[in-house]
Amino acid sequence: MQEIAENVFIETEYEGVNVGAVRTRRGIVAIDVPSYPRQARDWAMRLHTLTPRPVAYTILTDYHGDRIINARWLNAPVVTHEATAEKLRSYDKRYPQTLLESLAHRNPDHGRELSQSPVEHASLSFTGSMQLWRGGLEIQLFAAPGPTLGSIGVYLPESGVLFTGDAVVTNMPPMLGEANTAVWLQTIDQLQHWPDPVYHIVPGRGEPCTMADLTAVATYIRTMRQRLQEHIEAQKPRDEIYGYLMEFLNQYPGCNLPADWLKRQVKYSLDRVYDEIQLNGSN
């Protein structure tokens, strides 16, 4: 756990998503939750070492399965975008089996503890932006759509820390399987032109980054869009789009995620972007 600014802590070493915590006089405001139960319990215990007060809120930056499934371990009201709140409501009482299987496939060891745990629904939600005050500290939440409809970012004006959610990732390809890439590029542009001081950028996955890493994500997305636009214009068969897979995988040679899982994610990305471009082209 790193303290990247006064009373702002992050952990980037858990499997899956990055997590953060803001310590206030009235308890912790947590940002996301580790993807596997063992690590979620570990995070909950580490937060308890920061303050004896309970976690005040858990902010979830989107509705990706590896971000929502362990929210219950922090035992705090959940704050999300309304689209994420709606997704959680759609699960009724249990998470889908396909979600559990995907997480277990990514890490079979940690995945053994996954079970059909109760869904933690949102207590607070918003659409455009929201200010959360706790212990005299302002926490700004804002819509950051693109990775999902319910993606958000978090900005701490007092310390200049920006949590981007999955709008920015490092050390791995961005996951486009549920994306609207045109909107995602607009979100990256919004982050690149953030009007207030930014001293630390915490991506949704991977190591803390700089504005250059935002450009890298945008370039990846634009390149995939361009390849598939040209593919469609050339009237090539759809099943040939997977021929681009290695081009995009090879941009992240140091990625330590399981190779077969990663290939599947890039295939999902190619499918999604192909459909997005075709749909927009037919309108």
Protein backbone atom coordinates (compact mmCIF):
# COMPACT_ATOMS: atom_id res chain seq x y z
CA MET A 1 0.00 0.00 0.00
CA GLN A 2 1.40 3.38 -1.06
CA GLU A 3 0.49 6.76 0.40
CA ILE A 4 0.70 8.84 -2.78
CA ALA A 5 -0.54 12.04 -1.13
CA GLU A 6 -1.46 12.98 2.40
CA ASN A 7 -4.20 10.56 3.53
CA VAL A 8 -4.56 9.07 0.03
CA PHE A 9 -3.58 5.41 -0.30
CA ILE A 10 -3.51 3.02 -3.24
CA GLU A 11 -2.72 -0.63 -3.86
CA THR A 12 -1.79 -1.75 -7.37
CA GLU A 13 -0.47 -5.23 -6.57
CA TYR A 14 -3.73 -7.10 -6.19
CA GLU A 15 -4.87 -9.33 -9.03
CA GLY A 16 -7.32 -7.41 -11.22
CA VAL A 17 -8.27 -3.85 -10.37
CA ASN A 18 -6.46 -1.09 -8.51
CA VAL A 19 -7.96 0.08 -5.24
CA GLY A 20 -7.70 3.33 -3.33
CA ALA A 21 -8.62 4.80 0.03
CA VAL A 22 -9.06 8.35 1.25
CA ARG A 23 -8.67 8.74 5.01
CA THR A 24 -10.83 11.42 6.58
CA ARG A 25 -11.62 12.43 10.16
CA ARG A 26 -14.84 10.46 9.83
CA GLY A 27 -13.57 7.26 8.30
CA ILE A 28 -12.31 5.86 5.01
CA VAL A 29 -13.78 6.47 1.59
CA ALA A 30 -12.76 3.43 -0.46
CA ILE A 31 -12.40 3.45 -4.23
CA ASP A 32 -13.05 0.01 -5.75
CA VAL A 33 -12.52 -3.39 -4.14
CA PRO A 34 -10.08 -6.23 -4.99
CA SER A 35 -11.30 -8.85 -7.43
CA TYR A 36 -10.88 -11.96 -5.26
CA PRO A 37 -12.25 -12.65 -1.76
CA ARG A 38 -8.89 -13.35 -0.11
CA GLN A 39 -7.48 -10.05 -1.34
CA ALA A 40 -10.68 -8.17 -0.53
CA ARG A 41 -10.46 -9.38 3.07
CA ASP A 42 -6.80 -8.39 3.17
CA TRP A 43 -7.68 -4.90 1.91
CA ALA A 44 -10.44 -4.54 4.51
CA MET A 45 -7.97 -5.40 7.29
CA ARG A 46 -5.38 -2.97 5.97
CA LEU A 47 -7.93 -0.19 5.84
CA HIS A 48 -8.72 -0.90 9.48
CA THR A 49 -5.06 -0.20 10.34
CA LEU A 50 -5.43 3.31 8.89
CA THR A 51 -8.25 4.29 11.24
CA PRO A 52 -10.42 2.55 13.82
CA ARG A 53 -13.49 4.06 12.18
CA PRO A 54 -15.45 1.91 9.73
CA VAL A 55 -15.36 2.49 5.99
CA ALA A 56 -17.80 5.30 5.29
CA TYR A 57 -18.40 4.70 1.57
CA THR A 58 -17.27 2.34 -1.17
CA ILE A 59 -17.10 3.98 -4.59
CA LEU A 60 -17.27 1.57 -7.55
CA THR A 61 -15.90 3.08 -10.75
CA ASP A 62 -17.86 0.78 -13.09
CA TYR A 63 -19.80 -2.48 -13.27
CA HIS A 64 -17.08 -4.82 -14.54
CA GLY A 65 -17.47 -8.07 -12.64
CA ASP A 66 -14.00 -8.00 -11.12
CA ARG A 67 -14.75 -4.59 -9.62
CA ILE A 68 -18.15 -5.19 -8.06
CA ILE A 69 -18.17 -8.75 -6.81
CA ASN A 70 -16.46 -8.20 -3.45
CA ALA A 71 -17.97 -4.87 -2.39
CA ARG A 72 -19.66 -6.54 0.58
CA TRP A 73 -16.30 -7.13 2.30
CA LEU A 74 -15.97 -3.41 3.09
CA ASN A 75 -19.42 -3.32 4.69
CA ALA A 76 -20.15 0.26 3.61
CA PRO A 77 -22.75 2.09 1.52
CA VAL A 78 -21.92 1.74 -2.18
CA VAL A 79 -21.72 4.79 -4.45
CA THR A 80 -21.89 4.35 -8.24
CA HIS A 81 -23.04 5.81 -11.50
CA GLU A 82 -26.74 5.18 -12.08
CA ALA A 83 -25.95 2.76 -14.93
CA THR A 84 -23.88 0.67 -12.52
CA ALA A 85 -26.65 0.82 -9.93
CA GLU A 86 -29.06 -0.41 -12.60
CA LYS A 87 -26.73 -3.27 -13.55
CA LEU A 88 -26.49 -4.33 -9.90
CA ARG A 89 -30.28 -4.26 -9.59
CA SER A 90 -30.55 -6.47 -12.68
CA TYR A 91 -28.59 -9.20 -10.90
CA ASP A 92 -31.34 -9.48 -8.29
CA LYS A 93 -29.81 -11.56 -5.47
CA ARG A 94 -26.83 -13.37 -7.06
CA TYR A 95 -24.04 -12.64 -9.52
CA PRO A 96 -24.14 -14.53 -12.85
CA GLN A 97 -22.26 -17.81 -13.00
CA THR A 98 -20.42 -16.61 -16.12
CA LEU A 99 -18.88 -13.79 -14.08
CA LEU A 100 -17.56 -16.24 -11.49
CA GLU A 101 -16.23 -18.57 -14.19
CA SER A 102 -14.34 -15.77 -15.94
CA LEU A 103 -12.65 -14.70 -12.71
CA ALA A 104 -11.81 -18.29 -11.79
CA HIS A 105 -10.31 -18.89 -15.23
CA ARG A 106 -8.09 -15.83 -14.88
CA ASN A 107 -6.68 -17.04 -11.56
CA PRO A 108 -7.71 -20.60 -10.59
CA ASP A 109 -5.97 -20.38 -7.20
CA HIS A 110 -7.76 -17.23 -6.04
CA GLY A 111 -10.89 -18.30 -7.91
CA ARG A 112 -11.46 -21.27 -5.60
CA GLU A 113 -12.94 -18.93 -2.99
CA LEU A 114 -15.46 -17.37 -5.36
CA SER A 115 -19.05 -18.24 -4.56
CA GLN A 116 -22.56 -17.05 -5.25
CA SER A 117 -22.35 -14.25 -2.71
CA PRO A 118 -25.18 -11.74 -2.29
CA VAL A 119 -25.18 -8.74 -4.61
CA GLU A 120 -24.29 -5.46 -2.93
CA HIS A 121 -26.63 -2.82 -4.34
CA ALA A 122 -25.84 0.88 -4.61
CA SER A 123 -27.00 3.18 -1.83
CA LEU A 124 -26.18 6.37 -3.74
CA SER A 125 -25.98 6.92 -7.49
CA PHE A 126 -25.66 9.82 -9.93
CA THR A 127 -25.52 10.49 -13.67
CA GLY A 128 -23.36 13.53 -14.46
CA SER A 129 -21.32 14.47 -11.40
CA MET A 130 -21.52 14.39 -7.63
CA GLN A 131 -19.67 15.93 -4.69
CA LEU A 132 -19.11 13.70 -1.69
CA TRP A 133 -18.06 15.39 1.56
CA ARG A 134 -16.62 13.43 4.46
CA GLY A 135 -14.73 14.76 7.44
CA GLY A 136 -14.34 18.16 5.78
CA LEU A 137 -12.79 16.62 2.65
CA GLU A 138 -14.27 17.07 -0.82
CA ILE A 139 -14.36 14.11 -3.19
CA GLN A 140 -15.54 14.80 -6.74
CA LEU A 141 -17.16 12.00 -8.73
CA PHE A 142 -17.81 12.42 -12.44
CA ALA A 143 -19.10 10.33 -15.32
CA ALA A 144 -16.28 8.91 -17.45
CA PRO A 145 -18.17 6.75 -19.97
CA GLY A 146 -16.54 4.59 -22.58
CA PRO A 147 -15.30 1.42 -20.86
CA THR A 148 -18.91 0.92 -19.70
CA LEU A 149 -22.00 3.09 -19.52
CA GLY A 150 -21.47 3.28 -15.77
CA SER A 151 -17.79 4.24 -15.71
CA ILE A 152 -16.78 7.11 -13.44
CA GLY A 153 -13.66 8.90 -12.27
CA VAL A 154 -12.79 10.38 -8.89
CA TYR A 155 -10.88 13.62 -8.30
CA LEU A 156 -9.52 14.85 -4.99
CA PRO A 157 -9.05 18.62 -5.31
CA GLU A 158 -7.15 18.99 -2.05
CA SER A 159 -4.35 16.64 -3.15
CA GLY A 160 -4.65 16.74 -6.95
CA VAL A 161 -5.18 12.97 -7.22
CA LEU A 162 -7.18 11.68 -10.18
CA PHE A 163 -8.58 8.13 -10.21
CA THR A 164 -9.51 7.35 -13.81
CA GLY A 165 -11.22 4.00 -13.47
CA ASP A 166 -10.82 1.82 -16.56
CA ALA A 167 -10.74 4.86 -18.85
CA VAL A 168 -6.98 4.49 -18.39
CA VAL A 169 -5.03 1.27 -17.78
CA THR A 170 -1.30 0.59 -17.88
CA ASN A 171 0.80 -2.55 -18.44
CA MET A 172 -2.10 -4.25 -20.26
CA PRO A 173 -4.48 -3.63 -23.17
CA PRO A 174 -7.63 -1.66 -22.41
CA MET A 175 -10.61 -4.00 -22.33
CA LEU A 176 -13.10 -2.92 -24.98
CA GLY A 177 -15.58 -5.80 -24.71
CA GLU A 178 -18.37 -3.57 -23.33
CA ALA A 179 -17.06 -0.29 -24.66
CA ASN A 180 -18.32 2.63 -26.66
CA THR A 181 -14.94 3.60 -28.05
CA ALA A 182 -16.04 6.88 -29.62
CA VAL A 183 -17.29 8.07 -26.22
CA TRP A 184 -14.18 6.62 -24.54
CA LEU A 185 -11.95 8.82 -26.69
CA GLN A 186 -14.00 11.84 -25.61
CA THR A 187 -13.49 10.87 -21.97
CA ILE A 188 -9.73 10.60 -22.44
CA ASP A 189 -9.74 14.04 -24.04
CA GLN A 190 -11.67 15.36 -21.02
CA LEU A 191 -9.06 13.88 -18.67
CA GLN A 192 -6.18 15.27 -20.72
CA HIS A 193 -7.69 18.74 -20.42
CA TRP A 194 -8.65 18.49 -16.76
CA PRO A 195 -9.11 22.08 -15.56
CA ASP A 196 -7.64 21.65 -12.07
CA PRO A 197 -4.15 20.60 -10.91
CA VAL A 198 -3.37 16.88 -11.31
CA TYR A 199 -0.30 15.63 -9.46
CA HIS A 200 -1.06 11.90 -9.40
CA ILE A 201 -3.00 9.73 -11.86
CA VAL A 202 -4.23 6.34 -10.67
CA PRO A 203 -5.44 4.12 -13.53
CA GLY A 204 -8.08 1.47 -13.15
CA ARG A 205 -5.45 -1.23 -13.63
CA GLY A 206 -1.66 -1.12 -13.63
CA GLU A 207 0.92 1.25 -12.21
CA PRO A 208 0.30 4.96 -11.48
CA CYS A 209 0.81 6.89 -14.66
CA THR A 210 1.26 10.20 -16.45
CA MET A 211 -0.62 12.04 -19.18
CA ALA A 212 1.51 10.13 -21.72
CA ASP A 213 -0.24 6.92 -20.69
CA LEU A 214 -3.60 8.49 -21.47
CA THR A 215 -2.30 9.14 -24.98
CA ALA A 216 -1.19 5.50 -25.27
CA VAL A 217 -4.69 4.23 -24.45
CA ALA A 218 -6.23 6.64 -26.96
CA THR A 219 -3.75 5.52 -29.63
CA TYR A 220 -4.59 1.85 -29.00
CA ILE A 221 -8.31 2.55 -29.38
CA ARG A 222 -7.88 4.71 -32.49
CA THR A 223 -5.66 2.10 -34.12
CA MET A 224 -8.20 -0.68 -33.54
CA ARG A 225 -10.98 1.51 -34.87
CA GLN A 226 -8.91 2.33 -37.95
CA ARG A 227 -8.03 -1.32 -38.66
CA LEU A 228 -11.65 -2.40 -38.42
CA GLN A 229 -12.95 0.58 -40.39
CA GLU A 230 -10.58 -0.33 -43.23
CA HIS A 231 -11.57 -3.99 -42.89
CA ILE A 232 -15.26 -3.14 -43.27
CA GLU A 233 -14.66 -0.75 -46.16
CA ALA A 234 -12.67 -3.47 -47.97
CA GLN A 235 -15.67 -5.81 -47.47
CA LYS A 236 -13.48 -8.50 -45.95
CA PRO A 237 -15.15 -11.38 -44.05
CA ARG A 238 -15.89 -10.69 -40.42
CA ASP A 239 -14.08 -13.78 -39.14
CA GLU A 240 -10.81 -12.40 -40.53
CA ILE A 241 -10.74 -9.60 -37.94
CA TYR A 242 -9.00 -11.98 -35.53
CA GLY A 243 -5.96 -11.72 -37.77
CA TYR A 244 -5.30 -8.38 -36.05
CA LEU A 245 -5.16 -9.99 -32.62
CA MET A 246 -1.39 -10.33 -32.32
CA GLU A 247 -0.83 -6.73 -33.45
CA PHE A 248 -2.70 -5.54 -30.38
CA LEU A 249 -1.40 -8.17 -27.98
CA ASN A 250 2.20 -7.42 -28.94
CA GLN A 251 1.84 -3.81 -27.80
CA TYR A 252 2.00 -5.08 -24.20
CA PRO A 253 4.85 -7.63 -24.10
CA GLY A 254 5.29 -7.27 -20.33
CA CYS A 255 1.68 -8.01 -19.44
CA ASN A 256 1.59 -10.82 -16.86
CA LEU A 257 -2.05 -11.84 -17.28
CA PRO A 258 -2.73 -15.42 -18.48
CA ALA A 259 -2.13 -15.51 -22.24
CA ASP A 260 -5.30 -17.40 -23.16
CA TRP A 261 -7.48 -15.13 -21.01
CA LEU A 262 -5.83 -12.05 -22.52
CA LYS A 263 -6.34 -13.31 -26.08
CA ARG A 264 -9.99 -13.84 -25.33
CA GLN A 265 -10.31 -10.26 -24.06
CA VAL A 266 -8.70 -8.84 -27.21
CA LYS A 267 -11.03 -10.98 -29.34
CA TYR A 268 -13.99 -9.56 -27.41
CA SER A 269 -12.56 -6.09 -28.08
CA LEU A 270 -12.27 -6.72 -31.82
CA ASP A 271 -15.85 -8.01 -31.94
CA ARG A 272 -17.19 -5.06 -29.99
CA VAL A 273 -15.41 -2.38 -32.01
CA TYR A 274 -16.37 -4.07 -35.29
CA ASP A 275 -20.03 -4.01 -34.27
CA GLU A 276 -19.78 -0.42 -33.07
CA ILE A 277 -18.33 0.80 -36.36
CA GLN A 278 -20.80 -1.19 -38.43
CA LEU A 279 -23.74 0.12 -36.42
CA ASN A 280 -22.62 3.73 -36.67
CA GLY A 281 -21.90 3.33 -40.37
CA SER A 282 -25.41 2.07 -41.02
CA ASN A 283 -27.08 5.00 -39.23
